[in-house]
Amino acid sequence: MFNFFSLDIIYYPVSAIMWVWYKAFAFLLGPSNFFAWALSVMFLVFTLRAILYKPFVRQIRTTRQMQELQPQIKALQKKYGKDRQRMALEMQKLQKEHGFNPILGCLPMLAQVPVFLGLYHVLMSFNRTQTGIGRLGLSVEENRSLGNYFFSATDVGHFLDANLFGAPLGATMIQKHGLEAFTEFHRPAVVAVGVPIMILAGVATYFNSRASVARQSPEAAANPQTAMMNKLALYVFPLGVVVGGPFLPLAILLYWFSNNIWTFGQQHYVFGKIEKEEEAKKQEALERRAANAPAPGAKPSRKKGPRLEGESVDGTDGVEITEATGSEHGAGSPNGMSGASTSNGSSTHSSDAATRNGTASRTPKPGARPKKRKR
């Protein structure tokens, strides 16, 4: 019976997805085929990782955003290093301004933990005769007469019968209890099948971590905490898979190998997609800047507007009329005015003649409108 207050909320979904894939591959390969069960475990991983695709992309974006904020974070640490409370407030302010949420970056990794525990429990529940699993002292016949979450009692029997050269999928290399539940169990075969999978899982973990570290910015890699995590990811985690491999069922080793293979490929695809998006944004910004820039050799255009009186066509202010009084050369002028300039600024008489006759030319003050000559 399903219980929301227990880990059944994890076990049943994991069992359901694995059951669907098992039925599909059993139809093609047979219900007791080793590869039918192995592929059901691998495609369980692929299905769950496909469901977590969007959170994974969000994790990558969050990680890259955190790397971009490293200079500002270092500045805050330098400024408020001794005041932890103020430091925390400034960090929250910085994260809020940039829409940065560190919890979203950890979500895909945290989501894989219950999946791993759920798969481990479901696989171990196929063989309840093992010490510490299910009802202690359960006989082989009683074990085969019980179902396992979505799997029927018949399916449980097929799982225990499936083996590769005497290596059951649910067995470990150092297992000592519950061996009678399997139809066949040969320890050398389990070791021969398990060691290559274990090594491949460790190698896949290393290259997966290496790809992640290679994409880090220099600022992020220089951070002491990041450098420590990089060493753990590159050396400790892969070594942990190899060291812990003999204690895990073959199906769990397959799970670990499949998970890292999927992560490596998905990481390469997502990083490539994000880099293309960023390159397209940069290209768009350059094109926008080029479109707004003036053509090479062209002068910046002036804003067009009504031309003020006294302003020449080329934009310079000129005086249209210059008056001089008392000139003896004012023939043809009723009031004796002479020395009037034409509209193009040329004078009809020289300035020395006006001085000689005791007249002075009057020019308007800057900004004043010139006086028109009376006719």
Protein backbone atom coordinates (compact mmCIF):
# COMPACT_ATOMS: atom_id res chain seq x y z
CA MET A 1 0.00 0.00 0.00
CA PHE A 2 1.28 3.44 -0.97
CA ASN A 3 2.27 5.56 2.02
CA PHE A 4 2.88 9.30 1.51
CA PHE A 5 4.62 9.52 4.87
CA SER A 6 7.39 7.09 3.86
CA LEU A 7 9.93 6.82 1.06
CA ASP A 8 7.34 4.97 -1.03
CA ILE A 9 6.79 8.33 -2.71
CA ILE A 10 10.24 7.74 -4.26
CA TYR A 11 10.23 3.96 -4.61
CA TYR A 12 6.99 3.66 -6.56
CA PRO A 13 7.83 6.20 -9.33
CA VAL A 14 11.31 4.71 -9.78
CA SER A 15 9.84 1.21 -9.91
CA ALA A 16 7.15 2.31 -12.39
CA ILE A 17 9.60 3.80 -14.89
CA MET A 18 11.89 0.79 -14.69
CA TRP A 19 8.88 -1.55 -15.09
CA VAL A 20 7.77 0.19 -18.31
CA TRP A 21 11.20 -0.16 -19.90
CA TYR A 22 11.57 -3.74 -18.67
CA LYS A 23 8.30 -4.75 -20.34
CA ALA A 24 9.42 -3.12 -23.60
CA PHE A 25 12.82 -4.86 -23.69
CA ALA A 26 11.47 -8.15 -22.32
CA PHE A 27 9.06 -8.25 -25.26
CA LEU A 28 12.07 -8.15 -27.60
CA LEU A 29 14.72 -10.10 -25.66
CA GLY A 30 12.79 -12.29 -23.24
CA PRO A 31 11.64 -11.83 -19.62
CA SER A 32 14.72 -13.47 -18.03
CA ASN A 33 17.30 -11.92 -20.34
CA PHE A 34 20.19 -10.17 -18.59
CA PHE A 35 20.33 -7.35 -21.14
CA ALA A 36 16.58 -6.72 -20.91
CA TRP A 37 17.01 -5.89 -17.23
CA ALA A 38 20.30 -4.01 -17.79
CA LEU A 39 18.74 -1.83 -20.48
CA SER A 40 15.73 -1.15 -18.28
CA VAL A 41 18.10 0.24 -15.63
CA MET A 42 19.97 2.37 -18.17
CA PHE A 43 16.81 3.79 -19.74
CA LEU A 44 15.44 4.50 -16.28
CA VAL A 45 18.44 6.82 -15.89
CA PHE A 46 17.89 8.39 -19.32
CA THR A 47 14.22 9.00 -18.60
CA LEU A 48 14.85 10.66 -15.25
CA ARG A 49 17.63 12.83 -16.70
CA ALA A 50 15.37 13.87 -19.57
CA ILE A 51 12.75 14.94 -17.00
CA LEU A 52 15.43 16.97 -15.22
CA TYR A 53 16.69 18.58 -18.45
CA LYS A 54 15.30 22.08 -17.80
CA PRO A 55 16.60 22.21 -14.21
CA PHE A 56 19.97 21.05 -15.58
CA VAL A 57 20.04 23.93 -18.08
CA ARG A 58 19.12 26.32 -15.27
CA GLN A 59 21.99 24.87 -13.24
CA ILE A 60 24.46 25.52 -16.06
CA ARG A 61 23.24 29.10 -16.49
CA THR A 62 23.42 29.68 -12.75
CA THR A 63 26.97 28.33 -12.63
CA ARG A 64 28.09 30.59 -15.49
CA GLN A 65 26.37 33.57 -13.89
CA MET A 66 28.14 32.85 -10.62
CA GLN A 67 31.47 32.81 -12.45
CA GLU A 68 30.70 36.21 -13.99
CA LEU A 69 29.93 37.62 -10.54
CA GLN A 70 33.22 36.40 -9.04
CA PRO A 71 34.98 39.81 -9.33
CA GLN A 72 32.12 41.54 -7.50
CA ILE A 73 31.96 38.78 -4.89
CA LYS A 74 35.70 39.13 -4.26
CA ALA A 75 35.28 42.89 -3.89
CA LEU A 76 32.56 42.35 -1.29
CA GLN A 77 34.70 39.83 0.57
CA LYS A 78 37.57 42.27 0.62
CA LYS A 79 35.39 45.12 1.83
CA TYR A 80 33.20 43.31 4.36
CA GLY A 81 35.40 40.32 5.19
CA LYS A 82 35.32 41.01 8.93
CA ASP A 83 31.61 41.84 9.10
CA ARG A 84 29.84 38.56 8.25
CA GLN A 85 26.35 39.95 8.77
CA ARG A 86 26.96 42.88 6.43
CA MET A 87 28.67 40.53 4.00
CA ALA A 88 25.60 38.27 3.92
CA LEU A 89 23.30 41.25 3.34
CA GLU A 90 25.43 42.59 0.49
CA MET A 91 25.59 39.13 -1.09
CA GLN A 92 21.81 38.83 -0.98
CA LYS A 93 21.51 42.27 -2.52
CA LEU A 94 23.92 41.35 -5.30
CA GLN A 95 22.10 38.10 -6.03
CA LYS A 96 18.75 39.88 -6.09
CA GLU A 97 20.00 42.55 -8.50
CA HIS A 98 21.22 39.92 -10.98
CA GLY A 99 18.37 37.44 -10.46
CA PHE A 100 20.80 34.85 -9.13
CA ASN A 101 19.48 31.92 -7.10
CA PRO A 102 22.16 29.46 -5.89
CA ILE A 103 19.53 26.90 -4.84
CA LEU A 104 18.51 26.39 -8.48
CA GLY A 105 22.09 25.46 -9.31
CA CYS A 106 22.03 22.58 -6.82
CA LEU A 107 18.55 21.29 -7.71
CA PRO A 108 19.49 18.71 -10.41
CA MET A 109 22.29 17.30 -8.24
CA LEU A 110 20.02 17.08 -5.19
CA ALA A 111 17.24 15.48 -7.25
CA GLN A 112 19.56 12.62 -8.25
CA VAL A 113 20.16 11.60 -4.63
CA PRO A 114 16.63 10.25 -3.95
CA VAL A 115 16.63 8.61 -7.39
CA PHE A 116 19.84 6.75 -6.56
CA LEU A 117 18.49 5.70 -3.17
CA GLY A 118 15.17 4.65 -4.70
CA LEU A 119 16.82 2.52 -7.39
CA TYR A 120 19.15 0.93 -4.84
CA HIS A 121 16.21 0.02 -2.61
CA VAL A 122 14.11 -1.37 -5.46
CA LEU A 123 16.98 -3.50 -6.77
CA MET A 124 17.85 -4.86 -3.35
CA SER A 125 14.17 -5.61 -2.68
CA PHE A 126 14.16 -8.17 -5.48
CA ASN A 127 16.16 -10.40 -3.14
CA ARG A 128 14.66 -10.09 0.34
CA THR A 129 16.64 -13.07 1.60
CA GLN A 130 19.74 -10.85 1.96
CA THR A 131 20.60 -9.79 5.49
CA GLY A 132 19.23 -6.37 6.39
CA ILE A 133 16.76 -6.22 3.47
CA GLY A 134 13.08 -6.85 4.01
CA ARG A 135 11.97 -9.65 6.33
CA LEU A 136 14.90 -11.51 7.91
CA GLY A 137 14.90 -15.28 7.49
CA LEU A 138 12.63 -15.19 4.40
CA SER A 139 12.93 -18.40 2.38
CA VAL A 140 13.66 -18.46 -1.34
CA GLU A 141 10.13 -19.70 -2.12
CA GLU A 142 8.54 -16.94 -0.03
CA ASN A 143 10.78 -14.36 -1.67
CA ARG A 144 9.69 -15.42 -5.16
CA SER A 145 6.04 -15.36 -4.16
CA LEU A 146 6.11 -11.64 -3.29
CA GLY A 147 5.94 -8.69 -5.65
CA ASN A 148 8.24 -5.69 -5.59
CA TYR A 149 6.33 -2.39 -5.92
CA PHE A 150 5.22 -2.31 -9.61
CA PHE A 151 6.85 -5.66 -10.35
CA SER A 152 4.79 -8.79 -9.89
CA ALA A 153 6.00 -11.98 -8.19
CA THR A 154 6.66 -13.43 -11.66
CA ASP A 155 8.80 -10.42 -12.56
CA VAL A 156 10.77 -10.89 -9.33
CA GLY A 157 11.51 -14.47 -10.35
CA HIS A 158 12.65 -13.36 -13.83
CA PHE A 159 15.01 -10.80 -12.27
CA LEU A 160 16.61 -13.41 -10.01
CA ASP A 161 16.97 -15.79 -12.98
CA ALA A 162 18.65 -13.20 -15.23
CA ASN A 163 22.45 -13.48 -15.30
CA LEU A 164 25.43 -13.04 -17.63
CA PHE A 165 27.74 -16.08 -17.48
CA GLY A 166 26.55 -16.67 -13.92
CA ALA A 167 26.66 -12.99 -12.87
CA PRO A 168 23.22 -11.82 -11.64
CA LEU A 169 22.40 -8.14 -12.13
CA GLY A 170 21.43 -7.71 -8.48
CA ALA A 171 24.58 -9.32 -7.03
CA THR A 172 27.70 -7.65 -5.67
CA MET A 173 31.30 -8.82 -6.02
CA ILE A 174 31.73 -9.39 -2.28
CA GLN A 175 28.21 -10.65 -1.51
CA LYS A 176 27.99 -13.52 0.99
CA HIS A 177 24.32 -13.63 1.99
CA GLY A 178 21.21 -14.35 -0.11
CA LEU A 179 23.15 -16.16 -2.81
CA GLU A 180 20.65 -19.04 -2.80
CA ALA A 181 17.95 -16.73 -4.16
CA PHE A 182 19.70 -16.51 -7.53
CA THR A 183 19.34 -19.30 -10.04
CA GLU A 184 23.05 -19.01 -10.85
CA PHE A 185 25.82 -17.21 -8.99
CA HIS A 186 29.53 -17.51 -9.86
CA ARG A 187 31.75 -15.04 -8.08
CA PRO A 188 34.50 -15.02 -10.74
CA ALA A 189 31.81 -14.17 -13.32
CA VAL A 190 30.44 -11.38 -11.13
CA VAL A 191 33.97 -9.96 -10.76
CA ALA A 192 34.69 -10.35 -14.49
CA VAL A 193 31.50 -8.46 -15.38
CA GLY A 194 31.61 -5.97 -12.52
CA VAL A 195 35.24 -4.77 -12.75
CA PRO A 196 35.01 -3.43 -16.34
CA ILE A 197 31.72 -1.67 -15.55
CA MET A 198 33.27 -0.27 -12.37
CA ILE A 199 36.33 1.06 -14.23
CA LEU A 200 34.20 2.52 -17.01
CA ALA A 201 32.02 4.25 -14.41
CA GLY A 202 35.13 5.78 -12.78
CA VAL A 203 36.56 6.90 -16.13
CA ALA A 204 33.21 8.41 -17.16
CA THR A 205 33.05 10.28 -13.84
CA TYR A 206 36.56 11.66 -14.38
CA PHE A 207 35.96 12.92 -17.94
CA ASN A 208 32.60 14.34 -16.94
CA SER A 209 34.25 16.31 -14.13
CA ARG A 210 37.12 17.34 -16.38
CA ALA A 211 34.71 18.78 -18.96
CA SER A 212 33.00 20.83 -16.24
CA VAL A 213 36.29 22.18 -14.85
CA ALA A 214 37.58 23.09 -18.32
CA ARG A 215 34.60 25.40 -18.87
CA GLN A 216 35.18 27.39 -15.70
CA SER A 217 36.36 30.99 -15.96
CA PRO A 218 39.88 31.85 -14.73
CA GLU A 219 38.40 33.94 -11.91
CA ALA A 220 36.28 31.04 -10.67
CA ALA A 221 39.12 28.53 -10.95
CA ALA A 222 41.36 30.82 -8.87
CA ASN A 223 38.91 30.71 -5.97
CA PRO A 224 40.36 28.42 -3.22
CA GLN A 225 37.00 26.78 -2.52
CA THR A 226 36.40 26.13 -6.23
CA ALA A 227 39.91 24.74 -6.62
CA MET A 228 39.29 22.31 -3.76
CA MET A 229 35.99 21.16 -5.27
CA ASN A 230 37.69 20.69 -8.64
CA LYS A 231 40.27 18.37 -7.07
CA LEU A 232 37.52 16.37 -5.39
CA ALA A 233 35.59 16.08 -8.65
CA LEU A 234 38.64 15.12 -10.70
CA TYR A 235 40.26 12.60 -8.39
CA VAL A 236 38.30 11.72 -5.25
CA PHE A 237 34.90 11.03 -6.86
CA PRO A 238 36.21 8.76 -9.67
CA LEU A 239 38.41 6.94 -7.17
CA GLY A 240 35.42 6.55 -4.85
CA VAL A 241 33.45 4.82 -7.61
CA VAL A 242 36.28 2.33 -8.17
CA VAL A 243 36.84 1.71 -4.46
CA GLY A 244 33.13 1.40 -3.66
CA GLY A 245 32.32 -0.64 -6.76
CA PRO A 246 32.73 -4.10 -5.16
CA PHE A 247 30.13 -3.22 -2.51
CA LEU A 248 27.45 -2.20 -5.04
CA PRO A 249 25.17 -4.41 -7.18
CA LEU A 250 26.04 -4.59 -10.86
CA ALA A 251 22.82 -2.72 -11.66
CA ILE A 252 23.96 0.26 -9.54
CA LEU A 253 27.30 0.33 -11.36
CA LEU A 254 25.37 0.38 -14.63
CA TYR A 255 23.28 3.23 -13.25
CA TRP A 256 26.40 5.23 -12.35
CA PHE A 257 28.04 4.61 -15.72
CA SER A 258 24.86 5.53 -17.66
CA ASN A 259 24.29 8.64 -15.59
CA ASN A 260 27.79 9.99 -16.28
CA ILE A 261 27.61 9.15 -19.98
CA TRP A 262 24.30 11.02 -20.27
CA THR A 263 25.64 13.96 -18.25
CA PHE A 264 28.76 14.23 -20.42
CA GLY A 265 26.76 14.35 -23.66
CA GLN A 266 24.06 16.63 -22.28
CA GLN A 267 26.63 19.00 -20.81
CA HIS A 268 28.42 19.28 -24.15
CA TYR A 269 25.13 20.02 -25.92
CA VAL A 270 23.88 22.58 -23.39
CA PHE A 271 27.19 24.45 -23.16
CA GLY A 272 27.37 24.62 -26.95
CA LYS A 273 23.82 25.94 -27.12
CA ILE A 274 24.47 28.63 -24.48
CA GLU A 275 27.70 29.71 -26.17
CA LYS A 276 25.86 30.10 -29.49
CA GLU A 277 23.21 32.22 -27.79
CA GLU A 278 25.85 34.47 -26.22
CA GLU A 279 27.70 34.78 -29.54
CA ALA A 280 24.45 35.73 -31.30
CA LYS A 281 23.78 38.42 -28.67
CA LYS A 282 27.27 39.86 -29.13
CA GLN A 283 26.86 39.88 -32.92
CA GLU A 284 23.48 41.58 -32.61
CA ALA A 285 24.97 44.26 -30.36
CA LEU A 286 27.81 44.88 -32.84
CA GLU A 287 25.36 45.16 -35.75
CA ARG A 288 23.18 47.58 -33.81
CA ARG A 289 26.21 49.73 -32.97
CA ALA A 290 27.38 49.69 -36.59
CA ALA A 291 23.93 50.70 -37.84
CA ASN A 292 23.85 53.74 -35.54
CA ALA A 293 27.39 54.89 -36.37
CA PRO A 294 27.97 57.53 -39.18
CA ALA A 295 29.39 56.43 -42.50
CA PRO A 296 33.22 56.61 -42.83
CA GLY A 297 34.32 60.16 -43.84
CA ALA A 298 30.84 61.66 -43.40
CA LYS A 299 30.30 64.69 -41.18
CA PRO A 300 27.70 64.39 -38.42
CA SER A 301 24.40 65.76 -39.66
CA ARG A 302 22.93 68.80 -37.96
CA LYS A 303 19.36 68.89 -36.86
CA LYS A 304 17.25 70.78 -39.37
CA GLY A 305 15.22 73.75 -38.15
CA PRO A 306 14.02 77.23 -39.18
CA ARG A 307 16.91 79.49 -40.23
CA LEU A 308 17.16 82.65 -38.19
CA GLU A 309 17.25 86.04 -39.88
CA GLY A 310 20.81 87.05 -40.55
CA GLU A 311 22.04 83.40 -40.71
CA SER A 312 23.80 82.45 -43.88
CA VAL A 313 23.25 79.20 -45.75
CA ASP A 314 26.47 77.68 -44.45
CA GLY A 315 25.36 78.20 -40.86
CA THR A 316 27.41 81.32 -40.05
CA ASP A 317 25.85 84.54 -38.84
CA GLY A 318 26.39 87.57 -41.05
CA VAL A 319 25.27 91.19 -41.11
CA GLU A 320 23.11 92.05 -44.08
CA ILE A 321 23.10 95.83 -43.78
CA THR A 322 25.74 98.20 -42.50
CA GLU A 323 24.79 101.88 -42.28
CA ALA A 324 27.05 104.94 -42.45
CA THR A 325 25.86 108.48 -42.08
CA GLY A 326 27.25 111.78 -43.19
CA SER A 327 29.10 110.42 -46.19
CA GLU A 328 29.79 112.87 -48.99
CA HIS A 329 29.70 109.92 -51.39
CA GLY A 330 26.05 109.21 -50.64
CA ALA A 331 24.88 110.19 -54.10
CA GLY A 332 21.56 108.70 -54.94
CA SER A 333 20.62 108.41 -51.28
CA PRO A 334 17.90 110.77 -50.09
CA ASN A 335 19.24 111.01 -46.56
CA GLY A 336 22.91 111.05 -47.38
CA MET A 337 23.57 107.42 -46.16
CA SER A 338 26.42 105.55 -47.76
CA GLY A 339 28.58 102.50 -47.18
CA ALA A 340 25.64 100.08 -47.19
CA SER A 341 26.72 96.49 -47.68
CA THR A 342 24.99 94.02 -49.92
CA SER A 343 23.37 90.81 -48.71
CA ASN A 344 26.56 88.87 -49.43
CA GLY A 345 28.56 91.01 -47.02
CA SER A 346 30.51 93.13 -49.62
CA SER A 347 30.88 96.88 -48.96
CA THR A 348 30.27 99.57 -51.62
CA HIS A 349 32.78 101.97 -50.06
CA SER A 350 35.93 101.47 -48.14
CA SER A 351 36.08 102.04 -44.43
CA ASP A 352 38.74 104.75 -44.72
CA ALA A 353 36.38 106.90 -46.76
CA ALA A 354 33.81 106.71 -43.99
CA THR A 355 36.42 107.68 -41.42
CA ARG A 356 37.64 110.53 -43.59
CA ASN A 357 34.15 112.01 -43.81
CA GLY A 358 33.57 111.71 -40.09
CA THR A 359 31.13 108.89 -40.30
CA ALA A 360 31.14 105.60 -38.45
CA SER A 361 29.52 102.36 -39.53
CA ARG A 362 27.05 101.00 -37.14
CA THR A 363 26.85 97.24 -36.73
CA PRO A 364 24.17 95.51 -34.62
CA LYS A 365 25.11 93.98 -31.33
CA PRO A 366 25.44 90.22 -31.14
CA GLY A 367 21.98 88.67 -31.08
CA ALA A 368 20.21 91.90 -32.09
CA ARG A 369 18.20 92.09 -35.28
CA PRO A 370 19.76 94.38 -37.93
CA LYS A 371 17.94 97.57 -38.81
CA LYS A 372 16.46 97.74 -42.26
CA ARG A 373 17.20 100.70 -44.46
CA LYS A 374 14.30 103.06 -44.92
CA ARG A 375 13.28 103.76 -48.46
